[in-house]
Amino acid sequence: PIPISNWFMAEIELNETYNHFTSKIPELAFENESWSFSANSNFTFSLPKTWKIQTWVWYQSPNMYGIFKTKSMVGSGASISKSFFNKQLSTTIAIYDAFHTTGMRANINYANQDVYLEFIPETPRVVFRVRYTFGNSKATRKAQDKSGADDLKDRTGK
């Protein structure tokens, strides 16, 4: 997580991938390769009185998986949560794929076959979650049990 301010955290992930597939089955041999790009972003807004709002968006460019040639995919969601009892209890309501954009679409053009596949999940989904953390919330962590955010603070001094 990248702290933009004390009330706003951002997480952004960018990936570039190269795939190379080959098959040496006689009369059905193929060789496919592709570069693809994916991006994920997650933004968390801390509000007064232990409320939080979170939004996320992800994207996957067209790609090759063996004989499958997928089309681009995109998805998004948002949630709002509230913590209670010194943050030991939290409740969250989230919506996934509110714009009905998630799904996999692919073509197969192989061995004299042209196939179009489409998987579109039933969306949007609304999820309600309750989480309770057991144990001593005041217990201290060992010095060697640092998180990635702690390590970043140590290196940058912020």
N, C-alpha and C. Protein backbone atom coordinates (compact mmCIF):
# COMPACT_ATOMS: atom_id res chain seq x y z
N PRO A 1 0.82 -1.20 0.00
CA PRO A 1 0.00 0.00 0.00
C PRO A 1 0.86 1.26 0.00
N ILE A 2 0.44 2.25 -0.74
CA ILE A 2 1.14 3.53 -0.80
C ILE A 2 0.30 4.55 -0.03
N PRO A 3 0.82 5.07 1.09
CA PRO A 3 0.03 6.07 1.82
C PRO A 3 0.09 7.42 1.11
N ILE A 4 -1.04 7.85 0.55
CA ILE A 4 -1.15 9.16 -0.09
C ILE A 4 -1.32 10.22 0.99
N SER A 5 -2.12 9.90 1.99
CA SER A 5 -2.30 10.75 3.16
C SER A 5 -2.71 9.83 4.31
N ASN A 6 -2.98 10.39 5.47
CA ASN A 6 -3.36 9.53 6.59
C ASN A 6 -4.77 8.96 6.42
N TRP A 7 -5.54 9.43 5.44
CA TRP A 7 -6.89 8.93 5.21
C TRP A 7 -7.07 8.26 3.84
N PHE A 8 -5.99 8.20 3.03
CA PHE A 8 -6.10 7.67 1.68
C PHE A 8 -4.90 6.77 1.36
N MET A 9 -5.18 5.49 1.04
CA MET A 9 -4.15 4.53 0.67
C MET A 9 -4.43 4.04 -0.75
N ALA A 10 -3.37 3.84 -1.51
CA ALA A 10 -3.51 3.35 -2.88
C ALA A 10 -2.62 2.14 -3.08
N GLU A 11 -3.14 1.17 -3.82
CA GLU A 11 -2.36 0.02 -4.23
C GLU A 11 -2.54 -0.11 -5.74
N ILE A 12 -1.43 -0.11 -6.46
CA ILE A 12 -1.49 -0.21 -7.92
C ILE A 12 -0.49 -1.27 -8.35
N GLU A 13 -0.95 -2.18 -9.19
CA GLU A 13 -0.09 -3.26 -9.68
C GLU A 13 -0.18 -3.30 -11.20
N LEU A 14 0.97 -3.31 -11.86
CA LEU A 14 1.05 -3.40 -13.31
C LEU A 14 1.89 -4.61 -13.66
N ASN A 15 1.44 -5.41 -14.61
CA ASN A 15 2.17 -6.62 -15.01
C ASN A 15 2.25 -6.72 -16.53
N GLU A 16 3.37 -7.12 -16.99
CA GLU A 16 3.57 -7.44 -18.42
C GLU A 16 3.98 -8.91 -18.46
N THR A 17 3.34 -9.70 -19.30
CA THR A 17 3.58 -11.14 -19.34
C THR A 17 3.79 -11.59 -20.77
N TYR A 18 4.74 -12.52 -20.94
CA TYR A 18 4.96 -13.16 -22.23
C TYR A 18 4.62 -14.64 -22.09
N ASN A 19 3.74 -15.15 -22.95
CA ASN A 19 3.39 -16.57 -22.97
C ASN A 19 3.81 -17.18 -24.30
N HIS A 20 4.36 -18.38 -24.24
CA HIS A 20 4.76 -19.11 -25.43
C HIS A 20 4.31 -20.56 -25.26
N PHE A 21 3.46 -21.03 -26.16
CA PHE A 21 2.91 -22.38 -26.08
C PHE A 21 3.25 -23.14 -27.36
N THR A 22 3.66 -24.39 -27.21
CA THR A 22 3.93 -25.24 -28.37
C THR A 22 3.34 -26.62 -28.12
N SER A 23 2.95 -27.27 -29.19
CA SER A 23 2.50 -28.65 -29.15
C SER A 23 3.13 -29.35 -30.34
N LYS A 24 3.68 -30.51 -30.12
CA LYS A 24 4.32 -31.26 -31.19
C LYS A 24 3.55 -32.53 -31.54
N ILE A 25 2.26 -32.54 -31.25
CA ILE A 25 1.42 -33.68 -31.61
C ILE A 25 1.34 -33.72 -33.13
N PRO A 26 1.69 -34.86 -33.74
CA PRO A 26 1.65 -34.93 -35.21
C PRO A 26 0.29 -34.51 -35.76
N GLU A 27 0.32 -33.75 -36.81
CA GLU A 27 -0.84 -33.24 -37.54
C GLU A 27 -1.68 -32.23 -36.74
N LEU A 28 -1.35 -31.99 -35.47
CA LEU A 28 -2.06 -31.00 -34.66
C LEU A 28 -1.09 -30.04 -34.00
N ALA A 29 0.10 -29.95 -34.54
CA ALA A 29 1.12 -29.10 -33.93
C ALA A 29 0.72 -27.63 -34.02
N PHE A 30 1.11 -26.87 -33.01
CA PHE A 30 0.89 -25.43 -33.04
C PHE A 30 1.97 -24.75 -32.21
N GLU A 31 2.12 -23.47 -32.48
CA GLU A 31 3.00 -22.63 -31.69
C GLU A 31 2.35 -21.25 -31.59
N ASN A 32 2.02 -20.86 -30.38
CA ASN A 32 1.37 -19.57 -30.14
C ASN A 32 2.16 -18.80 -29.10
N GLU A 33 2.23 -17.50 -29.31
CA GLU A 33 2.90 -16.66 -28.33
C GLU A 33 2.17 -15.31 -28.26
N SER A 34 2.30 -14.67 -27.11
CA SER A 34 1.67 -13.35 -26.96
C SER A 34 2.27 -12.62 -25.77
N TRP A 35 2.21 -11.32 -25.86
CA TRP A 35 2.50 -10.44 -24.74
C TRP A 35 1.16 -9.97 -24.21
N SER A 36 1.04 -9.81 -22.92
CA SER A 36 -0.20 -9.28 -22.36
C SER A 36 0.13 -8.33 -21.21
N PHE A 37 -0.86 -7.55 -20.87
CA PHE A 37 -0.71 -6.53 -19.84
C PHE A 37 -1.89 -6.63 -18.90
N SER A 38 -1.63 -6.50 -17.60
CA SER A 38 -2.72 -6.43 -16.64
C SER A 38 -2.45 -5.30 -15.65
N ALA A 39 -3.52 -4.74 -15.14
CA ALA A 39 -3.41 -3.66 -14.16
C ALA A 39 -4.50 -3.85 -13.11
N ASN A 40 -4.11 -3.61 -11.87
CA ASN A 40 -5.04 -3.69 -10.74
C ASN A 40 -4.86 -2.45 -9.90
N SER A 41 -5.94 -1.87 -9.45
CA SER A 41 -5.83 -0.73 -8.53
C SER A 41 -6.86 -0.90 -7.41
N ASN A 42 -6.45 -0.48 -6.23
CA ASN A 42 -7.28 -0.59 -5.05
C ASN A 42 -7.09 0.69 -4.24
N PHE A 43 -8.15 1.40 -3.95
CA PHE A 43 -8.07 2.65 -3.22
C PHE A 43 -8.92 2.55 -1.95
N THR A 44 -8.31 2.89 -0.81
CA THR A 44 -9.00 2.83 0.48
C THR A 44 -9.05 4.22 1.09
N PHE A 45 -10.24 4.63 1.48
CA PHE A 45 -10.47 5.93 2.10
C PHE A 45 -10.94 5.71 3.53
N SER A 46 -10.15 6.16 4.49
CA SER A 46 -10.52 6.06 5.91
C SER A 46 -11.33 7.29 6.29
N LEU A 47 -12.52 7.05 6.81
CA LEU A 47 -13.42 8.12 7.19
C LEU A 47 -13.50 8.20 8.72
N PRO A 48 -14.08 9.25 9.27
CA PRO A 48 -14.22 9.34 10.72
C PRO A 48 -15.04 8.18 11.30
N LYS A 49 -14.83 7.92 12.58
CA LYS A 49 -15.58 6.93 13.35
C LYS A 49 -15.44 5.53 12.77
N THR A 50 -14.23 5.16 12.35
CA THR A 50 -13.83 3.82 11.86
C THR A 50 -14.63 3.33 10.65
N TRP A 51 -15.08 4.25 9.82
CA TRP A 51 -15.70 3.89 8.54
C TRP A 51 -14.60 3.85 7.48
N LYS A 52 -14.74 2.95 6.51
CA LYS A 52 -13.81 2.89 5.38
C LYS A 52 -14.60 2.63 4.10
N ILE A 53 -14.14 3.26 3.03
CA ILE A 53 -14.68 3.00 1.70
C ILE A 53 -13.52 2.49 0.85
N GLN A 54 -13.79 1.44 0.09
CA GLN A 54 -12.76 0.87 -0.76
C GLN A 54 -13.33 0.69 -2.17
N THR A 55 -12.52 1.03 -3.18
CA THR A 55 -12.90 0.82 -4.57
C THR A 55 -11.76 0.10 -5.28
N TRP A 56 -12.09 -0.67 -6.29
CA TRP A 56 -11.05 -1.37 -7.05
C TRP A 56 -11.49 -1.53 -8.50
N VAL A 57 -10.50 -1.58 -9.35
CA VAL A 57 -10.69 -1.78 -10.79
C VAL A 57 -9.53 -2.65 -11.28
N TRP A 58 -9.82 -3.58 -12.18
CA TRP A 58 -8.76 -4.39 -12.77
C TRP A 58 -9.00 -4.52 -14.28
N TYR A 59 -7.91 -4.78 -15.00
CA TYR A 59 -7.96 -4.91 -16.46
C TYR A 59 -6.98 -6.00 -16.89
N GLN A 60 -7.37 -6.82 -17.85
CA GLN A 60 -6.49 -7.82 -18.47
C GLN A 60 -6.60 -7.66 -19.98
N SER A 61 -5.47 -7.44 -20.65
CA SER A 61 -5.47 -7.27 -22.10
C SER A 61 -5.71 -8.62 -22.79
N PRO A 62 -5.99 -8.61 -24.10
CA PRO A 62 -6.11 -9.88 -24.83
C PRO A 62 -4.84 -10.71 -24.66
N ASN A 63 -5.01 -12.03 -24.72
CA ASN A 63 -3.88 -12.92 -24.44
C ASN A 63 -4.09 -14.27 -25.12
N MET A 64 -3.03 -15.04 -25.20
CA MET A 64 -3.08 -16.42 -25.71
C MET A 64 -2.82 -17.36 -24.54
N TYR A 65 -3.65 -18.40 -24.43
CA TYR A 65 -3.45 -19.50 -23.48
C TYR A 65 -3.57 -20.79 -24.26
N GLY A 66 -2.45 -21.33 -24.71
CA GLY A 66 -2.50 -22.53 -25.54
C GLY A 66 -3.18 -22.21 -26.85
N ILE A 67 -4.32 -22.86 -27.11
CA ILE A 67 -5.06 -22.60 -28.35
C ILE A 67 -6.18 -21.56 -28.14
N PHE A 68 -6.32 -21.06 -26.92
CA PHE A 68 -7.34 -20.05 -26.61
C PHE A 68 -6.77 -18.66 -26.84
N LYS A 69 -7.51 -17.82 -27.55
CA LYS A 69 -7.16 -16.41 -27.70
C LYS A 69 -8.24 -15.62 -26.98
N THR A 70 -7.89 -15.09 -25.79
CA THR A 70 -8.89 -14.38 -24.99
C THR A 70 -8.99 -12.93 -25.41
N LYS A 71 -10.16 -12.37 -25.19
CA LYS A 71 -10.38 -10.94 -25.40
C LYS A 71 -10.08 -10.22 -24.09
N SER A 72 -9.99 -8.90 -24.14
CA SER A 72 -9.70 -8.14 -22.92
C SER A 72 -10.83 -8.30 -21.91
N MET A 73 -10.48 -8.14 -20.64
CA MET A 73 -11.44 -8.27 -19.55
C MET A 73 -11.25 -7.09 -18.59
N VAL A 74 -12.34 -6.67 -17.96
CA VAL A 74 -12.28 -5.59 -16.98
C VAL A 74 -13.30 -5.86 -15.89
N GLY A 75 -13.00 -5.42 -14.69
CA GLY A 75 -13.93 -5.59 -13.58
C GLY A 75 -13.74 -4.48 -12.55
N SER A 76 -14.73 -4.32 -11.68
CA SER A 76 -14.65 -3.27 -10.67
C SER A 76 -15.52 -3.65 -9.48
N GLY A 77 -15.37 -2.88 -8.42
CA GLY A 77 -16.19 -3.10 -7.24
C GLY A 77 -15.98 -2.01 -6.22
N ALA A 78 -16.78 -2.06 -5.18
CA ALA A 78 -16.68 -1.07 -4.10
C ALA A 78 -17.24 -1.68 -2.82
N SER A 79 -16.74 -1.18 -1.70
CA SER A 79 -17.26 -1.66 -0.42
C SER A 79 -17.24 -0.52 0.59
N ILE A 80 -18.06 -0.68 1.62
CA ILE A 80 -18.04 0.23 2.75
C ILE A 80 -18.02 -0.64 4.00
N SER A 81 -17.19 -0.26 4.97
CA SER A 81 -17.07 -1.06 6.18
C SER A 81 -17.04 -0.17 7.42
N LYS A 82 -17.35 -0.78 8.53
CA LYS A 82 -17.37 -0.09 9.81
C LYS A 82 -16.80 -1.04 10.86
N SER A 83 -15.90 -0.53 11.70
CA SER A 83 -15.29 -1.32 12.77
C SER A 83 -15.87 -0.92 14.12
N PHE A 84 -15.89 -1.91 15.01
CA PHE A 84 -16.42 -1.72 16.36
C PHE A 84 -15.47 -2.37 17.37
N PHE A 85 -15.66 -2.05 18.64
CA PHE A 85 -14.94 -2.69 19.75
C PHE A 85 -13.43 -2.71 19.51
N ASN A 86 -12.84 -1.51 19.39
CA ASN A 86 -11.40 -1.37 19.15
C ASN A 86 -10.93 -2.15 17.92
N LYS A 87 -11.75 -2.13 16.89
CA LYS A 87 -11.45 -2.77 15.60
C LYS A 87 -11.40 -4.29 15.65
N GLN A 88 -11.96 -4.90 16.70
CA GLN A 88 -12.02 -6.36 16.75
C GLN A 88 -13.19 -6.90 15.93
N LEU A 89 -14.23 -6.13 15.76
CA LEU A 89 -15.40 -6.54 14.98
C LEU A 89 -15.54 -5.58 13.81
N SER A 90 -15.72 -6.13 12.62
CA SER A 90 -15.95 -5.26 11.47
C SER A 90 -17.07 -5.84 10.61
N THR A 91 -17.83 -4.95 10.00
CA THR A 91 -18.88 -5.35 9.06
C THR A 91 -18.60 -4.66 7.73
N THR A 92 -18.83 -5.38 6.67
CA THR A 92 -18.57 -4.86 5.32
C THR A 92 -19.70 -5.24 4.40
N ILE A 93 -20.11 -4.32 3.55
CA ILE A 93 -21.01 -4.63 2.45
C ILE A 93 -20.27 -4.23 1.18
N ALA A 94 -20.22 -5.17 0.22
CA ALA A 94 -19.46 -4.94 -1.01
C ALA A 94 -20.32 -5.29 -2.21
N ILE A 95 -20.05 -4.60 -3.31
CA ILE A 95 -20.68 -4.93 -4.58
C ILE A 95 -19.57 -5.21 -5.59
N TYR A 96 -19.72 -6.33 -6.27
CA TYR A 96 -18.76 -6.76 -7.28
C TYR A 96 -19.41 -6.69 -8.65
N ASP A 97 -18.70 -6.15 -9.60
CA ASP A 97 -19.13 -6.09 -10.99
C ASP A 97 -20.48 -5.38 -11.17
N ALA A 98 -20.59 -4.21 -10.60
CA ALA A 98 -21.84 -3.44 -10.67
C ALA A 98 -22.21 -3.09 -12.12
N PHE A 99 -21.23 -3.00 -13.00
CA PHE A 99 -21.48 -2.60 -14.39
C PHE A 99 -21.57 -3.80 -15.33
N HIS A 100 -21.56 -5.00 -14.76
CA HIS A 100 -21.70 -6.25 -15.53
C HIS A 100 -20.69 -6.34 -16.68
N THR A 101 -19.40 -6.13 -16.33
CA THR A 101 -18.35 -6.17 -17.35
C THR A 101 -17.44 -7.39 -17.21
N THR A 102 -17.52 -8.10 -16.09
CA THR A 102 -16.63 -9.24 -15.85
C THR A 102 -17.08 -10.42 -16.69
N GLY A 103 -16.13 -11.13 -17.20
CA GLY A 103 -16.43 -12.34 -17.97
C GLY A 103 -15.27 -12.68 -18.87
N MET A 104 -15.26 -13.91 -19.35
CA MET A 104 -14.20 -14.38 -20.23
C MET A 104 -14.79 -14.68 -21.60
N ARG A 105 -14.15 -14.12 -22.62
CA ARG A 105 -14.54 -14.38 -24.00
C ARG A 105 -13.29 -14.84 -24.75
N ALA A 106 -13.42 -15.91 -25.51
CA ALA A 106 -12.24 -16.45 -26.18
C ALA A 106 -12.62 -17.09 -27.51
N ASN A 107 -11.65 -17.11 -28.41
CA ASN A 107 -11.78 -17.80 -29.69
C ASN A 107 -10.78 -18.94 -29.74
N ILE A 108 -11.16 -20.01 -30.43
CA ILE A 108 -10.24 -21.10 -30.74
C ILE A 108 -10.32 -21.30 -32.25
N ASN A 109 -9.21 -21.17 -32.91
CA ASN A 109 -9.10 -21.46 -34.34
C ASN A 109 -8.00 -22.50 -34.47
N TYR A 110 -8.38 -23.76 -34.45
CA TYR A 110 -7.40 -24.84 -34.37
C TYR A 110 -7.98 -26.11 -34.98
N ALA A 111 -7.17 -26.82 -35.71
CA ALA A 111 -7.53 -28.12 -36.29
C ALA A 111 -8.86 -28.04 -37.04
N ASN A 112 -8.97 -27.06 -37.93
CA ASN A 112 -10.18 -26.86 -38.74
C ASN A 112 -11.44 -26.63 -37.92
N GLN A 113 -11.26 -26.06 -36.73
CA GLN A 113 -12.41 -25.73 -35.89
C GLN A 113 -12.34 -24.25 -35.52
N ASP A 114 -13.47 -23.59 -35.62
CA ASP A 114 -13.60 -22.21 -35.17
C ASP A 114 -14.64 -22.20 -34.06
N VAL A 115 -14.18 -21.90 -32.85
CA VAL A 115 -15.06 -21.95 -31.68
C VAL A 115 -15.00 -20.60 -30.97
N TYR A 116 -16.15 -20.14 -30.54
CA TYR A 116 -16.23 -18.93 -29.71
C TYR A 116 -16.79 -19.33 -28.36
N LEU A 117 -16.08 -18.98 -27.29
CA LEU A 117 -16.50 -19.30 -25.93
C LEU A 117 -16.81 -18.01 -25.19
N GLU A 118 -17.82 -18.07 -24.34
CA GLU A 118 -18.16 -16.91 -23.54
C GLU A 118 -18.65 -17.38 -22.18
N PHE A 119 -18.01 -16.88 -21.14
CA PHE A 119 -18.44 -17.15 -19.77
C PHE A 119 -18.73 -15.81 -19.11
N ILE A 120 -19.98 -15.55 -18.83
CA ILE A 120 -20.39 -14.30 -18.20
C ILE A 120 -21.08 -14.67 -16.88
N PRO A 121 -20.44 -14.40 -15.75
CA PRO A 121 -21.07 -14.75 -14.48
C PRO A 121 -22.31 -13.91 -14.20
N GLU A 122 -23.17 -14.46 -13.37
CA GLU A 122 -24.36 -13.71 -12.97
C GLU A 122 -23.91 -12.62 -12.00
N THR A 123 -23.99 -11.40 -12.45
CA THR A 123 -23.53 -10.28 -11.65
C THR A 123 -24.54 -9.17 -11.74
N PRO A 124 -24.52 -8.19 -10.95
CA PRO A 124 -23.57 -7.94 -9.88
C PRO A 124 -23.85 -8.82 -8.66
N ARG A 125 -22.83 -8.93 -7.82
CA ARG A 125 -22.96 -9.67 -6.57
C ARG A 125 -22.84 -8.68 -5.41
N VAL A 126 -23.68 -8.86 -4.42
CA VAL A 126 -23.60 -8.07 -3.20
C VAL A 126 -23.26 -9.04 -2.07
N VAL A 127 -22.24 -8.68 -1.29
CA VAL A 127 -21.76 -9.55 -0.22
C VAL A 127 -21.78 -8.76 1.08
N PHE A 128 -22.29 -9.39 2.13
CA PHE A 128 -22.24 -8.81 3.47
C PHE A 128 -21.34 -9.70 4.31
N ARG A 129 -20.34 -9.11 4.96
CA ARG A 129 -19.37 -9.89 5.73
C ARG A 129 -19.26 -9.32 7.14
N VAL A 130 -19.17 -10.22 8.11
CA VAL A 130 -18.90 -9.86 9.49
C VAL A 130 -17.64 -10.60 9.90
N ARG A 131 -16.67 -9.86 10.45
CA ARG A 131 -15.41 -10.47 10.86
C ARG A 131 -15.11 -10.07 12.30
N TYR A 132 -14.75 -11.08 13.12
CA TYR A 132 -14.36 -10.82 14.49
C TYR A 132 -12.95 -11.35 14.69
N THR A 133 -12.07 -10.53 15.25
CA THR A 133 -10.68 -10.91 15.51
C THR A 133 -10.56 -11.30 16.98
N PHE A 134 -10.18 -12.55 17.21
CA PHE A 134 -10.00 -13.06 18.56
C PHE A 134 -8.57 -12.79 19.02
N GLY A 135 -8.36 -12.83 20.30
CA GLY A 135 -7.01 -12.70 20.83
C GLY A 135 -6.77 -11.33 21.42
N ASN A 136 -5.55 -11.14 21.88
CA ASN A 136 -5.14 -9.91 22.54
C ASN A 136 -4.76 -8.88 21.49
N SER A 137 -5.58 -7.87 21.33
CA SER A 137 -5.30 -6.85 20.32
C SER A 137 -4.17 -5.92 20.75
N LYS A 138 -3.79 -5.98 22.02
CA LYS A 138 -2.72 -5.11 22.51
C LYS A 138 -1.36 -5.82 22.51
N ALA A 139 -1.33 -7.09 22.11
CA ALA A 139 -0.06 -7.82 22.06
C ALA A 139 0.86 -7.18 21.03
N THR A 140 2.12 -7.13 21.32
CA THR A 140 3.09 -6.53 20.40
C THR A 140 3.66 -7.57 19.48
N ARG A 141 4.01 -7.14 18.28
CA ARG A 141 4.64 -8.04 17.32
C ARG A 141 6.12 -8.13 17.62
N LYS A 142 6.69 -9.26 17.27
CA LYS A 142 8.13 -9.41 17.38
C LYS A 142 8.78 -8.49 16.36
N ALA A 143 9.99 -8.06 16.65
CA ALA A 143 10.69 -7.11 15.76
C ALA A 143 10.87 -7.70 14.37
N GLN A 144 11.08 -9.02 14.25
CA GLN A 144 11.31 -9.60 12.92
C GLN A 144 10.02 -9.81 12.13
N ASP A 145 8.85 -9.61 12.75
CA ASP A 145 7.57 -9.80 12.06
C ASP A 145 7.06 -8.48 11.49
N LYS A 146 7.85 -7.84 10.67
CA LYS A 146 7.44 -6.57 10.09
C LYS A 146 6.64 -6.81 8.81
N SER A 147 5.72 -5.91 8.57
CA SER A 147 4.94 -5.98 7.34
C SER A 147 5.70 -5.22 6.24
N GLY A 148 5.20 -5.34 5.01
CA GLY A 148 5.79 -4.59 3.90
C GLY A 148 5.70 -3.10 4.12
N ALA A 149 4.58 -2.63 4.72
CA ALA A 149 4.42 -1.20 4.99
C ALA A 149 5.45 -0.74 6.03
N ASP A 150 5.72 -1.59 7.06
CA ASP A 150 6.73 -1.25 8.07
C ASP A 150 8.11 -1.15 7.43
N ASP A 151 8.41 -2.08 6.52
CA ASP A 151 9.71 -2.07 5.85
C ASP A 151 9.86 -0.80 5.01
N LEU A 152 8.79 -0.40 4.32
CA LEU A 152 8.82 0.83 3.52
C LEU A 152 9.04 2.05 4.40
N LYS A 153 8.37 2.10 5.56
CA LYS A 153 8.57 3.20 6.49
C LYS A 153 10.03 3.26 6.96
N ASP A 154 10.63 2.09 7.26
CA ASP A 154 12.02 2.05 7.72
C ASP A 154 12.97 2.58 6.65
N ARG A 155 12.71 2.21 5.39
CA ARG A 155 13.61 2.62 4.31
C ARG A 155 13.45 4.07 3.92
N THR A 156 12.23 4.61 3.99
CA THR A 156 11.98 5.98 3.53
C THR A 156 11.97 6.99 4.67
N GLY A 157 11.84 6.49 5.89
CA GLY A 157 11.79 7.40 7.04
C GLY A 157 10.45 8.09 7.19
N LYS A 158 9.43 7.65 6.47
CA LYS A 158 8.09 8.27 6.55
C LYS A 158 7.11 7.31 7.19
